[in-house]
C-alpha atoms as a PDB file:
ATOM      1  CA  MET A   1      -0.088   0.210  -0.252  1.00  0.00           C
ATOM      2  CA  ARG A   2       1.184   3.200  -1.037  1.00  0.00           C
ATOM      3  CA  GLU A   3       1.542   6.306   1.681  1.00  0.00           C
ATOM      4  CA  ASP A   4      -1.242   8.109   0.645  1.00  0.00           C
ATOM      5  CA  GLY A   5      -3.386   5.050   1.673  1.00  0.00           C
ATOM      6  CA  LYS A   6      -4.350   4.152  -2.006  1.00  0.00           C
ATOM      7  CA  GLY A   7      -3.793   0.559  -3.221  1.00  0.00           C
ATOM      8  CA  VAL A   8      -2.395  -1.052  -6.880  1.00  0.00           C
ATOM      9  CA  THR A   9      -3.326  -4.242  -7.508  1.00  0.00           C
ATOM     10  CA  ASP A  10      -0.590  -6.599  -8.676  1.00  0.00           C
ATOM     11  CA  HIS A  11      -1.734  -8.250 -11.575  1.00  0.00           C
ATOM     12  CA  LYS A  12       1.056 -11.237 -10.873  1.00  0.00           C
ATOM     13  CA  ALA A  13      -0.578 -12.392  -7.912  1.00  0.00           C
ATOM     14  CA  SER A  14      -2.701 -15.241  -8.276  1.00  0.00           C
ATOM     15  CA  ASN A  15      -6.149 -13.890  -6.654  1.00  0.00           C
ATOM     16  CA  GLY A  16      -5.773 -11.300  -9.281  1.00  0.00           C
ATOM     17  CA  SER A  17      -5.152 -13.191 -12.342  1.00  0.00           C
ATOM     18  CA  LYS A  18      -7.908 -14.957 -11.130  1.00  0.00           C
ATOM     19  CA  ASN A  19     -10.223 -12.167 -10.477  1.00  0.00           C
ATOM     20  CA  ASP A  20      -9.172 -10.424 -13.719  1.00  0.00           C
ATOM     21  CA  GLU A  21     -10.709 -13.803 -15.486  1.00  0.00           C
ATOM     22  CA  ARG A  22     -13.806 -13.563 -13.691  1.00  0.00           C
ATOM     23  CA  ASN A  23     -14.254 -10.381 -14.387  1.00  0.00           C
ATOM     24  CA  GLY A  24     -14.343  -9.510 -18.275  1.00  0.00           C
ATOM     25  CA  GLY A  25     -10.504  -9.408 -18.504  1.00  0.00           C
ATOM     26  CA  ALA A  26     -10.423  -6.148 -16.217  1.00  0.00           C
ATOM     27  CA  GLU A  27      -6.473  -5.337 -16.256  1.00  0.00           C
ATOM     28  CA  ILE A  28      -6.687  -1.601 -14.670  1.00  0.00           C
ATOM     29  CA  GLU A  29      -7.456  -1.088 -11.184  1.00  0.00           C
ATOM     30  CA  ARG A  30      -6.903   2.134  -9.578  1.00  0.00           C
ATOM     31  CA  ASP A  31      -8.655   4.001  -6.984  1.00  0.00           C
ATOM     32  CA  GLY A  32     -11.334   1.042  -7.059  1.00  0.00           C
ATOM     33  CA  GLN A  33     -12.209   1.782 -10.611  1.00  0.00           C
ATOM     34  CA  GLU A  34     -12.022  -1.109 -13.058  1.00  0.00           C
ATOM     35  CA  LYS A  35     -10.939  -0.459 -16.940  1.00  0.00           C
ATOM     36  CA  SER A  36     -11.937  -2.892 -19.227  1.00  0.00           C
ATOM     37  CA  HIS A  37      -9.320  -3.384 -22.050  1.00  0.00           C
ATOM     38  CA  ARG A  38     -11.851  -6.019 -23.706  1.00  0.00           C
ATOM     39  CA  GLU A  39     -14.560  -3.743 -23.858  1.00  0.00           C
ATOM     40  CA  GLU A  40     -12.732  -1.034 -25.224  1.00  0.00           C
ATOM     41  CA  GLN A  41     -11.291  -3.189 -28.095  1.00  0.00           C
ATOM     42  CA  LYS A  42     -14.777  -4.759 -28.619  1.00  0.00           C
ATOM     43  CA  LYS A  43     -16.272  -1.354 -28.742  1.00  0.00           C
ATOM     44  CA  LYS A  44     -13.781  -0.302 -31.061  1.00  0.00           C
ATOM     45  CA  GLY A  45     -13.896  -3.836 -33.436  1.00  0.00           C
ATOM     46  CA  GLU A  46     -17.785  -2.740 -33.858  1.00  0.00           C
ATOM     47  CA  GLY A  47     -17.054   0.266 -35.441  1.00  0.00           C
ATOM     48  CA  GLU A  48     -14.266  -0.751 -37.579  1.00  0.00           C
ATOM     49  CA  GLU A  49     -17.284  -3.379 -38.972  1.00  0.00           C
ATOM     50  CA  GLU A  50     -19.520  -0.622 -39.362  1.00  0.00           C
ATOM     51  CA  GLU A  51     -16.858   1.291 -41.613  1.00  0.00           C
ATOM     52  CA  GLU A  52     -16.384  -1.909 -43.544  1.00  0.00           C
ATOM     53  CA  GLU A  53     -20.058  -3.082 -43.967  1.00  0.00           C
ATOM     54  CA  GLU A  54     -20.240   1.057 -45.377  1.00  0.00           C
ATOM     55  CA  GLU A  55     -17.281   0.245 -47.805  1.00  0.00           C
ATOM     56  CA  ASP A  56     -18.276  -2.941 -48.968  1.00  0.00           C
ATOM     57  CA  ASN A  57     -22.230  -0.861 -49.696  1.00  0.00           C
ATOM     58  CA  ASP A  58     -20.461   1.359 -51.976  1.00  0.00           C
ATOM     59  CA  ASP A  59     -18.364  -1.708 -53.708  1.00  0.00           C
ATOM     60  CA  ASP A  60     -21.924  -2.564 -54.630  1.00  0.00           C
ATOM     61  CA  ASP A  61     -23.028   1.045 -55.912  1.00  0.00           C
ATOM     62  CA  ASP A  62     -19.915   0.849 -58.436  1.00  0.00           C
ATOM     63  CA  ASP A  63     -20.996  -2.219 -60.221  1.00  0.00           C
ATOM     64  CA  ASP A  64     -23.288  -1.704 -63.088  1.00  0.00           C
ATOM     65  CA  ASP A  65     -23.554  -5.445 -64.345  1.00  0.00           C
ATOM     66  CA  ASP A  66     -26.125  -3.086 -67.078  1.00  0.00           C
ATOM     67  CA  GLU A  67     -23.299  -2.167 -69.533  1.00  0.00           C
ATOM     68  CA  PRO A  68     -20.893  -4.757 -71.424  1.00  0.00           C
ATOM     69  CA  ASP A  69     -17.526  -4.949 -69.894  1.00  0.00           C
ATOM     70  CA  GLU A  70     -14.597  -4.332 -72.156  1.00  0.00           C
ATOM     71  CA  TRP A  71     -14.129  -7.274 -73.574  1.00  0.00           C
ATOM     72  CA  ASP A  72     -17.860  -7.677 -74.373  1.00  0.00           C
ATOM     73  CA  GLN A  73     -17.712  -4.286 -76.376  1.00  0.00           C
ATOM     74  CA  ARG A  74     -14.328  -5.710 -78.548  1.00  0.00           C
ATOM     75  CA  ILE A  75     -16.605  -8.820 -79.218  1.00  0.00           C
ATOM     76  CA  GLU A  76     -19.566  -6.726 -80.145  1.00  0.00           C
ATOM     77  CA  LYS A  77     -17.530  -4.446 -82.562  1.00  0.00           C
ATOM     78  CA  THR A  78     -15.910  -7.267 -84.651  1.00  0.00           C
ATOM     79  CA  GLY A  79     -20.009  -8.345 -85.645  1.00  0.00           C
ATOM     80  CA  CYS A  80     -19.355 -11.967 -84.568  1.00  0.00           C
ATOM     81  CA  ALA A  81     -20.787 -11.621 -80.998  1.00  0.00           C
ATOM     82  CA  LYS A  82     -23.469 -14.022 -81.277  1.00  0.00           C
ATOM     83  CA  GLU A  83     -21.120 -16.539 -83.247  1.00  0.00           C
ATOM     84  CA  ASN A  84     -18.458 -16.198 -80.283  1.00  0.00           C
ATOM     85  CA  LEU A  85     -21.595 -16.851 -77.672  1.00  0.00           C
ATOM     86  CA  ALA A  86     -22.453 -20.055 -79.214  1.00  0.00           C
ATOM     87  CA  LEU A  87     -18.875 -21.384 -79.582  1.00  0.00           C
ATOM     88  CA  GLN A  88     -18.248 -20.476 -76.212  1.00  0.00           C
ATOM     89  CA  LEU A  89     -20.951 -22.377 -75.370  1.00  0.00           C
ATOM     90  CA  CYS A  90     -20.294 -25.514 -77.213  1.00  0.00           C
ATOM     91  CA  HIS A  91     -16.991 -25.054 -75.596  1.00  0.00           C
ATOM     92  CA  TYR A  92     -18.405 -25.151 -72.446  1.00  0.00           C
ATOM     93  CA  ASP A  93     -21.395 -27.619 -72.882  1.00  0.00           C
ATOM     94  CA  THR A  94     -18.935 -30.244 -74.089  1.00  0.00           C
ATOM     95  CA  GLY A  95     -15.674 -28.974 -72.607  1.00  0.00           C
ATOM     96  CA  ASP A  96     -13.731 -30.109 -76.149  1.00  0.00           C
ATOM     97  CA  TRP A  97     -13.089 -27.708 -78.675  1.00  0.00           C
ATOM     98  CA  ARG A  98     -12.413 -30.372 -81.512  1.00  0.00           C
ATOM     99  CA  LYS A  99     -16.226 -31.087 -80.892  1.00  0.00           C
ATOM    100  CA  CYS A 100     -17.530 -27.683 -82.002  1.00  0.00           C
ATOM    101  CA  ILE A 101     -16.002 -27.790 -85.452  1.00  0.00           C
ATOM    102  CA  ASP A 102     -19.279 -26.304 -86.530  1.00  0.00           C
ATOM    103  CA  GLU A 103     -19.466 -23.160 -84.612  1.00  0.00           C
ATOM    104  CA  MET A 104     -16.067 -22.428 -85.126  1.00  0.00           C
ATOM    105  CA  ASN A 105     -16.446 -22.636 -89.016  1.00  0.00           C
ATOM    106  CA  ALA A 106     -19.688 -20.320 -88.704  1.00  0.00           C
ATOM    107  CA  PHE A 107     -17.241 -17.756 -86.083  1.00  0.00           C
ATOM    108  CA  ARG A 108     -14.555 -17.962 -88.511  1.00  0.00           C
ATOM    109  CA  LYS A 109     -16.744 -16.927 -91.779  1.00  0.00           C
ATOM    110  CA  CYS A 110     -18.129 -14.414 -89.752  1.00  0.00           C
ATOM    111  CA  TRP A 111     -14.803 -13.151 -89.128  1.00  0.00           C
ATOM    112  CA  SER A 112     -14.043 -13.003 -92.850  1.00  0.00           C
ATOM    113  CA  GLU A 113     -16.796 -11.696 -93.892  1.00  0.00           C
ATOM    114  CA  HIS A 114     -16.616  -8.791 -91.629  1.00  0.00           C
ATOM    115  CA  GLN A 115     -12.919  -8.520 -92.631  1.00  0.00           C
ATOM    116  CA  ASN A 116     -11.543  -8.809 -89.369  1.00  0.00           C
ATOM    117  CA  ASN A 117      -8.930 -10.883 -90.442  1.00  0.00           C
ATOM    118  CA  GLU A 118      -7.448  -7.889 -92.297  1.00  0.00           C
ATOM    119  CA  ARG A 119      -6.673  -5.988 -88.763  1.00  0.00           C
ATOM    120  CA  THR A 120      -5.750  -8.729 -86.872  1.00  0.00           C
ATOM    121  CA  HIS A 121      -3.488 -11.797 -87.973  1.00  0.00           C
ATOM    122  CA  VAL A 122      -5.564 -15.384 -87.428  1.00  0.00           C
ATOM    123  CA  LYS A 123      -3.166 -18.359 -87.948  1.00  0.00           C
ATOM    124  CA  ASP A 124      -5.432 -20.727 -90.782  1.00  0.00           C
ATOM    125  CA  ASN A 125      -5.280 -24.158 -89.560  1.00  0.00           C
ATOM    126  CA  ASP A 126      -6.442 -26.840 -90.506  1.00  0.00           C
ATOM    127  CA  ILE A 127      -9.177 -28.327 -88.606  1.00  0.00           C
ATOM    128  CA  SER A 128     -10.942 -30.646 -91.011  1.00  0.00           C
ATOM    129  CA  ASP A 129      -9.094 -33.795 -89.387  1.00  0.00           C
ATOM    130  CA  PHE A 130     -10.719 -33.555 -85.809  1.00  0.00           C
END
């Protein structure tokens, strides 16, 4: 005990440690007042969670599913979006490009008709063996 008559709890004492566990993690006792570190952290954590939730909600506002993304816009500009979609769906359904010969030929025909082969280099592979 100090000269002024006020006591300071020693946390290393066995009774004090057990008391701390029972009272929700009170770590500092001075002049008869207790302060809970865990409660403070809990309050801080709740505030941060609310901020994170607000940020997450803001992200949803930025996503506009009505507008096509950059890749979709590029496919549309080729004039072969329908054929490209058919080819992609065929590959998705079958899992093998070789089973999508008709869709591939339709896409290649469309690609040539829209003169896309003039602005991009396309390798002419013989796909008749598939």
